Amino acid sequence: MNSLTSAVAAIVTDDAGRVLLCQQSQGHRRWGLPGGKVRENESPIHAIGRDVREEIGTDVEIIDLVGIYELCGQDLPELVVHVFRCHDARGEALLHTPQRICRLSWHDTDDLPQPMTPTTRMAIADAVAGRAGVLSRVERDPEPDYPDAGDTADQASQDVVVGLAG
């Protein structure tokens, strides 16, 4: 039986409607959403506030839950990602975790950078369509290399949300 990891991700928009994306600093350097793993005895709402603050250095307004995305894939731990719609009126995101993220930038939703994690692509499409409360099962992209097989759960979670990005 696979272990289950809980994670959070934020679709952070600014006043112009652009979305904040993070580029992974390792592996395939794909673009994803800010976020991270939910700690033991931590709620997803608390985790999203903490992770976004740690990664971009500012608090954001949590608006609602876009959806819960269950990621599964062969020989990878299952991952459940709570994706929240958030807003940053100031648009002042700054890189705070260079070991996990090499770049933060704002993007128009009709001109997103590539390569992008599958979960990020799906969650942004759901958010742009105005959906909330989405429940979706996503087959994990088998392509990424995980340099340290002993740390698969952490690497797998980082592939979903770039502080965690799939």
N, C-alpha and C. Protein backbone atom coordinates (compact mmCIF):
# COMPACT_ATOMS: atom_id res chain seq x y z
N MET A 1 0.85 -1.19 0.00
CA MET A 1 0.00 0.00 0.00
C MET A 1 0.89 1.24 0.00
N ASN A 2 0.56 2.20 -0.83
CA ASN A 2 1.31 3.45 -0.90
C ASN A 2 0.98 4.34 0.29
N SER A 3 1.96 5.13 0.70
CA SER A 3 1.69 6.12 1.74
C SER A 3 0.96 7.30 1.10
N LEU A 4 0.30 8.08 1.93
CA LEU A 4 -0.45 9.23 1.45
C LEU A 4 0.15 10.49 2.04
N THR A 5 0.46 11.45 1.20
CA THR A 5 1.01 12.73 1.63
C THR A 5 -0.01 13.82 1.31
N SER A 6 -0.23 14.71 2.27
CA SER A 6 -1.12 15.86 2.04
C SER A 6 -0.29 17.09 1.76
N ALA A 7 -0.73 17.86 0.78
CA ALA A 7 -0.01 19.07 0.39
C ALA A 7 -1.02 20.17 0.10
N VAL A 8 -0.50 21.38 -0.01
CA VAL A 8 -1.32 22.54 -0.36
C VAL A 8 -0.63 23.32 -1.47
N ALA A 9 -1.42 24.03 -2.26
CA ALA A 9 -0.89 24.90 -3.30
C ALA A 9 -1.79 26.11 -3.41
N ALA A 10 -1.21 27.22 -3.85
CA ALA A 10 -1.97 28.47 -3.96
C ALA A 10 -1.94 29.00 -5.38
N ILE A 11 -3.12 29.28 -5.90
CA ILE A 11 -3.22 30.03 -7.15
C ILE A 11 -3.36 31.48 -6.71
N VAL A 12 -2.23 32.17 -6.67
CA VAL A 12 -2.18 33.55 -6.20
C VAL A 12 -2.32 34.48 -7.40
N THR A 13 -3.32 35.35 -7.35
CA THR A 13 -3.50 36.33 -8.43
C THR A 13 -3.28 37.73 -7.88
N ASP A 14 -2.93 38.63 -8.80
CA ASP A 14 -2.78 40.04 -8.42
C ASP A 14 -3.98 40.82 -8.96
N ASP A 15 -3.98 42.13 -8.79
CA ASP A 15 -5.10 42.96 -9.24
C ASP A 15 -5.30 42.93 -10.75
N ALA A 16 -4.25 42.61 -11.51
CA ALA A 16 -4.35 42.53 -12.97
C ALA A 16 -4.84 41.16 -13.44
N GLY A 17 -5.07 40.23 -12.50
CA GLY A 17 -5.53 38.89 -12.87
C GLY A 17 -4.42 37.93 -13.23
N ARG A 18 -3.18 38.36 -13.07
CA ARG A 18 -2.06 37.47 -13.37
C ARG A 18 -1.89 36.47 -12.23
N VAL A 19 -1.29 35.33 -12.55
CA VAL A 19 -1.06 34.28 -11.57
C VAL A 19 0.44 34.19 -11.25
N LEU A 20 0.74 33.96 -9.99
CA LEU A 20 2.13 33.84 -9.55
C LEU A 20 2.58 32.39 -9.70
N LEU A 21 3.68 32.18 -10.42
CA LEU A 21 4.23 30.84 -10.60
C LEU A 21 5.67 30.79 -10.12
N CYS A 22 6.07 29.60 -9.73
CA CYS A 22 7.43 29.35 -9.23
C CYS A 22 8.09 28.35 -10.16
N GLN A 23 9.36 28.55 -10.44
CA GLN A 23 10.10 27.58 -11.23
C GLN A 23 10.98 26.76 -10.30
N GLN A 24 10.88 25.44 -10.42
CA GLN A 24 11.67 24.54 -9.58
C GLN A 24 13.15 24.78 -9.81
N SER A 25 13.94 24.68 -8.75
CA SER A 25 15.37 24.91 -8.88
C SER A 25 16.14 23.64 -9.22
N GLN A 26 15.47 22.48 -9.20
CA GLN A 26 16.14 21.22 -9.50
C GLN A 26 15.31 20.41 -10.49
N GLY A 27 15.87 19.30 -10.93
CA GLY A 27 15.15 18.40 -11.82
C GLY A 27 14.86 19.05 -13.15
N HIS A 28 13.62 18.93 -13.60
CA HIS A 28 13.22 19.45 -14.91
C HIS A 28 12.88 20.93 -14.88
N ARG A 29 13.02 21.55 -13.71
CA ARG A 29 12.82 23.00 -13.54
C ARG A 29 11.46 23.45 -14.10
N ARG A 30 10.45 22.63 -13.81
CA ARG A 30 9.11 22.96 -14.28
C ARG A 30 8.50 24.07 -13.43
N TRP A 31 7.50 24.72 -14.01
CA TRP A 31 6.76 25.77 -13.32
C TRP A 31 5.61 25.16 -12.56
N GLY A 32 5.34 25.71 -11.39
CA GLY A 32 4.24 25.22 -10.56
C GLY A 32 3.74 26.31 -9.64
N LEU A 33 2.93 25.90 -8.70
CA LEU A 33 2.30 26.82 -7.76
C LEU A 33 3.07 26.85 -6.45
N PRO A 34 3.06 27.98 -5.75
CA PRO A 34 3.67 27.99 -4.42
C PRO A 34 2.85 27.10 -3.49
N GLY A 35 3.54 26.44 -2.59
CA GLY A 35 2.85 25.56 -1.65
C GLY A 35 3.83 24.63 -0.97
N GLY A 36 3.31 23.61 -0.34
CA GLY A 36 4.17 22.66 0.36
C GLY A 36 3.37 21.59 1.05
N LYS A 37 4.08 20.77 1.80
CA LYS A 37 3.44 19.67 2.52
C LYS A 37 2.71 20.19 3.75
N VAL A 38 1.62 19.51 4.07
CA VAL A 38 0.89 19.79 5.30
C VAL A 38 1.61 19.05 6.42
N ARG A 39 1.97 19.76 7.46
CA ARG A 39 2.67 19.15 8.59
C ARG A 39 1.70 18.35 9.46
N GLU A 40 2.26 17.46 10.25
CA GLU A 40 1.45 16.67 11.18
C GLU A 40 0.67 17.62 12.10
N ASN A 41 -0.59 17.31 12.31
CA ASN A 41 -1.49 18.11 13.16
C ASN A 41 -1.70 19.54 12.66
N GLU A 42 -1.55 19.77 11.36
CA GLU A 42 -1.75 21.09 10.77
C GLU A 42 -2.91 21.01 9.79
N SER A 43 -3.76 22.00 9.78
CA SER A 43 -4.87 22.03 8.82
C SER A 43 -4.36 22.55 7.48
N PRO A 44 -5.02 22.17 6.37
CA PRO A 44 -4.62 22.71 5.07
C PRO A 44 -4.69 24.24 5.02
N ILE A 45 -5.67 24.85 5.69
CA ILE A 45 -5.77 26.32 5.67
C ILE A 45 -4.58 26.95 6.38
N HIS A 46 -4.17 26.39 7.50
CA HIS A 46 -2.99 26.91 8.19
C HIS A 46 -1.75 26.68 7.33
N ALA A 47 -1.66 25.50 6.72
CA ALA A 47 -0.48 25.15 5.90
C ALA A 47 -0.33 26.10 4.71
N ILE A 48 -1.43 26.45 4.05
CA ILE A 48 -1.30 27.31 2.87
C ILE A 48 -0.81 28.70 3.27
N GLY A 49 -1.31 29.21 4.37
CA GLY A 49 -0.83 30.52 4.84
C GLY A 49 0.65 30.48 5.17
N ARG A 50 1.07 29.43 5.89
CA ARG A 50 2.47 29.30 6.29
C ARG A 50 3.37 29.11 5.08
N ASP A 51 3.01 28.18 4.19
CA ASP A 51 3.87 27.89 3.04
C ASP A 51 4.01 29.07 2.09
N VAL A 52 2.92 29.75 1.81
CA VAL A 52 3.00 30.91 0.91
C VAL A 52 3.87 31.99 1.54
N ARG A 53 3.67 32.25 2.82
CA ARG A 53 4.49 33.26 3.51
C ARG A 53 5.97 32.88 3.46
N GLU A 54 6.29 31.59 3.69
CA GLU A 54 7.68 31.14 3.65
C GLU A 54 8.29 31.28 2.26
N GLU A 55 7.51 30.99 1.23
CA GLU A 55 8.06 30.97 -0.13
C GLU A 55 8.10 32.33 -0.81
N ILE A 56 7.10 33.17 -0.57
CA ILE A 56 7.07 34.45 -1.30
C ILE A 56 7.19 35.66 -0.39
N GLY A 57 7.28 35.42 0.92
CA GLY A 57 7.56 36.51 1.84
C GLY A 57 6.43 37.47 2.13
N THR A 58 5.21 37.09 1.82
CA THR A 58 4.08 37.97 2.10
C THR A 58 2.85 37.13 2.42
N ASP A 59 1.93 37.72 3.15
CA ASP A 59 0.65 37.06 3.41
C ASP A 59 -0.28 37.36 2.25
N VAL A 60 -1.11 36.39 1.91
CA VAL A 60 -2.10 36.58 0.86
C VAL A 60 -3.49 36.35 1.44
N GLU A 61 -4.48 36.87 0.76
CA GLU A 61 -5.87 36.64 1.16
C GLU A 61 -6.32 35.30 0.58
N ILE A 62 -6.75 34.39 1.45
CA ILE A 62 -7.28 33.10 1.00
C ILE A 62 -8.75 33.32 0.67
N ILE A 63 -9.11 33.06 -0.58
CA ILE A 63 -10.48 33.33 -1.05
C ILE A 63 -11.36 32.10 -0.93
N ASP A 64 -10.94 30.99 -1.54
CA ASP A 64 -11.72 29.76 -1.45
C ASP A 64 -10.86 28.58 -1.90
N LEU A 65 -11.49 27.42 -1.88
CA LEU A 65 -10.82 26.19 -2.30
C LEU A 65 -11.18 25.91 -3.76
N VAL A 66 -10.18 25.93 -4.64
CA VAL A 66 -10.42 25.58 -6.04
C VAL A 66 -10.77 24.11 -6.12
N GLY A 67 -9.96 23.28 -5.46
CA GLY A 67 -10.24 21.86 -5.51
C GLY A 67 -9.24 21.03 -4.75
N ILE A 68 -9.55 19.75 -4.71
CA ILE A 68 -8.66 18.75 -4.11
C ILE A 68 -8.26 17.81 -5.24
N TYR A 69 -6.97 17.70 -5.45
CA TYR A 69 -6.43 16.92 -6.55
C TYR A 69 -5.65 15.75 -5.97
N GLU A 70 -6.09 14.53 -6.29
CA GLU A 70 -5.40 13.33 -5.83
C GLU A 70 -4.46 12.90 -6.94
N LEU A 71 -3.18 12.88 -6.63
CA LEU A 71 -2.18 12.50 -7.62
C LEU A 71 -1.72 11.08 -7.33
N CYS A 72 -1.71 10.27 -8.36
CA CYS A 72 -1.26 8.90 -8.18
C CYS A 72 -0.36 8.54 -9.36
N GLY A 73 0.50 7.59 -9.13
CA GLY A 73 1.40 7.17 -10.19
C GLY A 73 2.18 5.95 -9.75
N GLN A 74 2.62 5.21 -10.70
CA GLN A 74 3.34 3.98 -10.43
C GLN A 74 4.58 4.24 -9.59
N ASP A 75 4.71 3.48 -8.51
CA ASP A 75 5.88 3.53 -7.62
C ASP A 75 6.12 4.89 -6.98
N LEU A 76 5.13 5.75 -6.96
CA LEU A 76 5.25 7.04 -6.28
C LEU A 76 4.20 7.10 -5.18
N PRO A 77 4.51 7.75 -4.08
CA PRO A 77 3.51 7.86 -3.02
C PRO A 77 2.33 8.70 -3.50
N GLU A 78 1.14 8.33 -3.02
CA GLU A 78 -0.04 9.12 -3.39
C GLU A 78 0.02 10.47 -2.70
N LEU A 79 -0.48 11.46 -3.39
CA LEU A 79 -0.41 12.83 -2.90
C LEU A 79 -1.78 13.48 -3.09
N VAL A 80 -2.29 14.09 -2.03
CA VAL A 80 -3.55 14.82 -2.10
C VAL A 80 -3.21 16.29 -1.91
N VAL A 81 -3.55 17.10 -2.92
CA VAL A 81 -3.21 18.53 -2.89
C VAL A 81 -4.48 19.37 -2.80
N HIS A 82 -4.56 20.18 -1.76
CA HIS A 82 -5.65 21.15 -1.60
C HIS A 82 -5.17 22.43 -2.28
N VAL A 83 -5.85 22.83 -3.35
CA VAL A 83 -5.45 24.03 -4.10
C VAL A 83 -6.41 25.17 -3.76
N PHE A 84 -5.84 26.24 -3.22
CA PHE A 84 -6.63 27.40 -2.79
C PHE A 84 -6.48 28.56 -3.76
N ARG A 85 -7.57 29.31 -3.94
CA ARG A 85 -7.54 30.54 -4.71
C ARG A 85 -7.17 31.65 -3.72
N CYS A 86 -6.12 32.40 -4.04
CA CYS A 86 -5.63 33.45 -3.14
C CYS A 86 -5.41 34.73 -3.93
N HIS A 87 -5.30 35.84 -3.21
CA HIS A 87 -5.09 37.13 -3.86
C HIS A 87 -3.99 37.90 -3.14
N ASP A 88 -3.13 38.51 -3.92
CA ASP A 88 -2.07 39.38 -3.39
C ASP A 88 -2.26 40.75 -4.03
N ALA A 89 -2.90 41.65 -3.32
CA ALA A 89 -3.20 42.98 -3.86
C ALA A 89 -1.93 43.78 -4.12
N ARG A 90 -0.88 43.51 -3.36
CA ARG A 90 0.36 44.28 -3.51
C ARG A 90 1.24 43.77 -4.64
N GLY A 91 1.14 42.50 -4.98
CA GLY A 91 1.97 41.94 -6.04
C GLY A 91 3.45 42.04 -5.73
N GLU A 92 3.80 41.83 -4.47
CA GLU A 92 5.18 42.01 -4.04
C GLU A 92 5.88 40.71 -3.68
N ALA A 93 5.63 39.65 -4.39
CA ALA A 93 6.25 38.37 -4.08
C ALA A 93 7.76 38.44 -4.28
N LEU A 94 8.48 37.89 -3.31
CA LEU A 94 9.94 37.83 -3.37
C LEU A 94 10.38 36.40 -3.09
N LEU A 95 11.41 35.95 -3.76
CA LEU A 95 11.92 34.60 -3.59
C LEU A 95 12.54 34.42 -2.21
N HIS A 96 12.02 33.46 -1.44
CA HIS A 96 12.51 33.22 -0.09
C HIS A 96 13.07 31.82 0.11
N THR A 97 12.91 30.92 -0.87
CA THR A 97 13.40 29.54 -0.73
C THR A 97 14.18 29.14 -1.98
N PRO A 98 15.37 29.73 -2.20
CA PRO A 98 16.13 29.45 -3.41
C PRO A 98 16.57 27.99 -3.55
N GLN A 99 16.59 27.24 -2.45
CA GLN A 99 16.96 25.84 -2.55
C GLN A 99 15.88 25.02 -3.25
N ARG A 100 14.63 25.49 -3.25
CA ARG A 100 13.53 24.79 -3.90
C ARG A 100 13.03 25.50 -5.14
N ILE A 101 13.12 26.82 -5.15
CA ILE A 101 12.57 27.64 -6.23
C ILE A 101 13.66 28.55 -6.77
N CYS A 102 13.85 28.57 -8.10
CA CYS A 102 14.88 29.45 -8.65
C CYS A 102 14.29 30.75 -9.19
N ARG A 103 12.97 30.79 -9.41
CA ARG A 103 12.37 32.01 -9.95
C ARG A 103 10.89 32.10 -9.59
N LEU A 104 10.45 33.30 -9.28
CA LEU A 104 9.03 33.62 -9.07
C LEU A 104 8.66 34.67 -10.09
N SER A 105 7.52 34.52 -10.75
CA SER A 105 7.10 35.57 -11.67
C SER A 105 5.59 35.51 -11.91
N TRP A 106 5.04 36.66 -12.30
CA TRP A 106 3.62 36.81 -12.57
C TRP A 106 3.37 36.54 -14.05
N HIS A 107 2.26 35.82 -14.36
CA HIS A 107 1.96 35.45 -15.74
C HIS A 107 0.48 35.63 -16.05
N ASP A 108 0.19 36.08 -17.27
CA ASP A 108 -1.19 36.11 -17.75
C ASP A 108 -1.63 34.66 -17.92
N THR A 109 -2.88 34.37 -17.57
CA THR A 109 -3.34 32.98 -17.63
C THR A 109 -3.47 32.44 -19.05
N ASP A 110 -3.46 33.32 -20.04
CA ASP A 110 -3.49 32.86 -21.43
C ASP A 110 -2.09 32.78 -22.05
N ASP A 111 -1.06 32.99 -21.25
CA ASP A 111 0.32 32.92 -21.73
C ASP A 111 1.22 32.36 -20.62
N LEU A 112 0.99 31.10 -20.28
CA LEU A 112 1.72 30.47 -19.17
C LEU A 112 3.03 29.85 -19.66
N PRO A 113 4.05 29.87 -18.82
CA PRO A 113 5.36 29.33 -19.21
C PRO A 113 5.34 27.80 -19.25
N GLN A 114 6.28 27.25 -19.95
CA GLN A 114 6.45 25.80 -20.04
C GLN A 114 7.90 25.47 -19.70
N PRO A 115 8.19 24.27 -19.25
CA PRO A 115 7.24 23.21 -18.91
C PRO A 115 6.54 23.50 -17.60
N MET A 116 5.33 22.98 -17.47
CA MET A 116 4.52 23.21 -16.28
C MET A 116 4.03 21.87 -15.76
N THR A 117 3.89 21.77 -14.45
CA THR A 117 3.41 20.52 -13.88
C THR A 117 1.95 20.30 -14.28
N PRO A 118 1.55 19.04 -14.48
CA PRO A 118 0.16 18.74 -14.87
C PRO A 118 -0.87 19.26 -13.88
N THR A 119 -0.59 19.15 -12.59
CA THR A 119 -1.54 19.63 -11.59
C THR A 119 -1.70 21.14 -11.66
N THR A 120 -0.61 21.84 -11.87
CA THR A 120 -0.67 23.30 -11.99
C THR A 120 -1.54 23.69 -13.18
N ARG A 121 -1.31 23.04 -14.30
CA ARG A 121 -2.07 23.32 -15.52
C ARG A 121 -3.58 23.10 -15.28
N MET A 122 -3.91 21.95 -14.66
CA MET A 122 -5.31 21.61 -14.41
C MET A 122 -5.95 22.57 -13.40
N ALA A 123 -5.25 22.87 -12.32
CA ALA A 123 -5.81 23.74 -11.28
C ALA A 123 -6.02 25.16 -11.80
N ILE A 124 -5.08 25.67 -12.59
CA ILE A 124 -5.25 27.02 -13.15
C ILE A 124 -6.45 27.04 -14.10
N ALA A 125 -6.60 26.00 -14.92
CA ALA A 125 -7.76 25.93 -15.83
C ALA A 125 -9.06 25.93 -15.04
N ASP A 126 -9.10 25.17 -13.94
CA ASP A 126 -10.29 25.14 -13.10
C ASP A 126 -10.56 26.52 -12.49
N ALA A 127 -9.51 27.17 -12.00
CA ALA A 127 -9.67 28.49 -11.38
C ALA A 127 -10.13 29.53 -12.39
N VAL A 128 -9.53 29.54 -13.58
CA VAL A 128 -9.90 30.50 -14.62
C VAL A 128 -11.36 30.31 -15.04
N ALA A 129 -11.82 29.05 -15.04
CA ALA A 129 -13.22 28.75 -15.39
C ALA A 129 -14.18 29.09 -14.25
N GLY A 130 -13.64 29.53 -13.12
CA GLY A 130 -14.48 29.91 -11.99
C GLY A 130 -14.95 28.74 -11.15
N ARG A 131 -14.38 27.56 -11.37
CA ARG A 131 -14.80 26.39 -10.60
C ARG A 131 -14.26 26.45 -9.18
N ALA A 132 -15.00 25.84 -8.28
CA ALA A 132 -14.58 25.70 -6.88
C ALA A 132 -15.07 24.34 -6.39
N GLY A 133 -14.36 23.77 -5.44
CA GLY A 133 -14.77 22.47 -4.90
C GLY A 133 -14.54 21.31 -5.84
N VAL A 134 -13.62 21.45 -6.78
CA VAL A 134 -13.31 20.39 -7.74
C VAL A 134 -12.68 19.21 -7.00
N LEU A 135 -13.10 18.01 -7.37
CA LEU A 135 -12.45 16.79 -6.88
C LEU A 135 -11.93 16.08 -8.11
N SER A 136 -10.62 15.87 -8.18
CA SER A 136 -10.04 15.32 -9.39
C SER A 136 -8.90 14.36 -9.07
N ARG A 137 -8.82 13.30 -9.83
CA ARG A 137 -7.72 12.34 -9.71
C ARG A 137 -6.80 12.57 -10.90
N VAL A 138 -5.52 12.78 -10.63
CA VAL A 138 -4.55 13.13 -11.67
C VAL A 138 -3.48 12.05 -11.72
N GLU A 139 -3.23 11.53 -12.91
CA GLU A 139 -2.14 10.57 -13.07
C GLU A 139 -0.84 11.36 -13.09
N ARG A 140 0.08 10.98 -12.21
CA ARG A 140 1.35 11.70 -12.09
C ARG A 140 2.17 11.52 -13.35
N ASP A 141 2.89 12.54 -13.69
CA ASP A 141 3.82 12.52 -14.82
C ASP A 141 5.00 11.65 -14.44
N PRO A 142 5.23 10.54 -15.14
CA PRO A 142 6.33 9.64 -14.77
C PRO A 142 7.70 10.16 -15.18
N GLU A 143 7.76 11.25 -15.91
CA GLU A 143 9.01 11.75 -16.48
C GLU A 143 10.06 12.23 -15.48
N PRO A 144 9.70 12.96 -14.41
CA PRO A 144 10.74 13.53 -13.57
C PRO A 144 11.67 12.50 -12.96
N ASP A 145 12.93 12.85 -12.90
CA ASP A 145 13.93 12.03 -12.24
C ASP A 145 13.99 12.45 -10.79
N TYR A 146 14.07 11.50 -9.90
CA TYR A 146 14.23 11.80 -8.49
C TYR A 146 15.63 11.37 -8.11
N PRO A 147 16.55 12.32 -7.93
CA PRO A 147 17.95 12.01 -7.71
C PRO A 147 18.23 11.15 -6.50
N ASP A 148 17.44 11.25 -5.44
CA ASP A 148 17.67 10.47 -4.24
C ASP A 148 16.46 9.59 -4.00
N ALA A 149 16.55 8.33 -4.42
CA ALA A 149 15.41 7.42 -4.31
C ALA A 149 14.96 7.24 -2.87
N GLY A 150 15.82 7.50 -1.92
CA GLY A 150 15.46 7.36 -0.52
C GLY A 150 14.57 8.49 -0.04
N ASP A 151 14.42 9.52 -0.81
CA ASP A 151 13.64 10.69 -0.41
C ASP A 151 12.45 10.89 -1.34
N THR A 152 11.89 9.78 -1.83
CA THR A 152 10.86 9.85 -2.85
C THR A 152 9.63 10.66 -2.46
N ALA A 153 9.17 10.54 -1.23
CA ALA A 153 7.96 11.28 -0.83
C ALA A 153 8.19 12.78 -0.89
N ASP A 154 9.33 13.25 -0.41
CA ASP A 154 9.61 14.68 -0.47
C ASP A 154 9.78 15.14 -1.91
N GLN A 155 10.51 14.39 -2.72
CA GLN A 155 10.72 14.77 -4.12
C GLN A 155 9.40 14.73 -4.87
N ALA A 156 8.59 13.70 -4.61
CA ALA A 156 7.31 13.58 -5.30
C ALA A 156 6.42 14.76 -4.95
N SER A 157 6.43 15.15 -3.69
CA SER A 157 5.58 16.27 -3.31
C SER A 157 6.09 17.56 -3.92
N GLN A 158 7.40 17.71 -4.06
CA GLN A 158 7.94 18.93 -4.67
C GLN A 158 7.63 19.00 -6.15
N ASP A 159 7.28 17.86 -6.76
CA ASP A 159 6.95 17.86 -8.17
C ASP A 159 5.52 18.33 -8.41
N VAL A 160 4.79 18.57 -7.37
CA VAL A 160 3.40 18.94 -7.53
C VAL A 160 3.20 20.42 -7.39
N VAL A 161 3.63 20.93 -6.31
CA VAL A 161 3.51 22.34 -6.08
C VAL A 161 4.92 22.80 -5.94
N VAL A 162 5.40 23.67 -6.57
CA VAL A 162 6.83 23.90 -6.55
C VAL A 162 7.29 24.20 -5.17
N GLY A 163 6.90 24.27 -4.31
CA GLY A 163 7.50 24.32 -3.02
C GLY A 163 7.21 22.99 -2.55
N LEU A 164 6.47 22.55 -3.31
CA LEU A 164 6.14 21.17 -3.22
C LEU A 164 5.94 20.72 -4.64
N ALA A 165 4.87 21.04 -6.90
CA ALA A 165 4.22 21.48 -8.15
C ALA A 165 3.70 20.42 -9.08
N GLY A 166 2.56 18.83 -10.11
CA GLY A 166 2.27 17.73 -10.93
C GLY A 166 1.17 17.84 -11.74
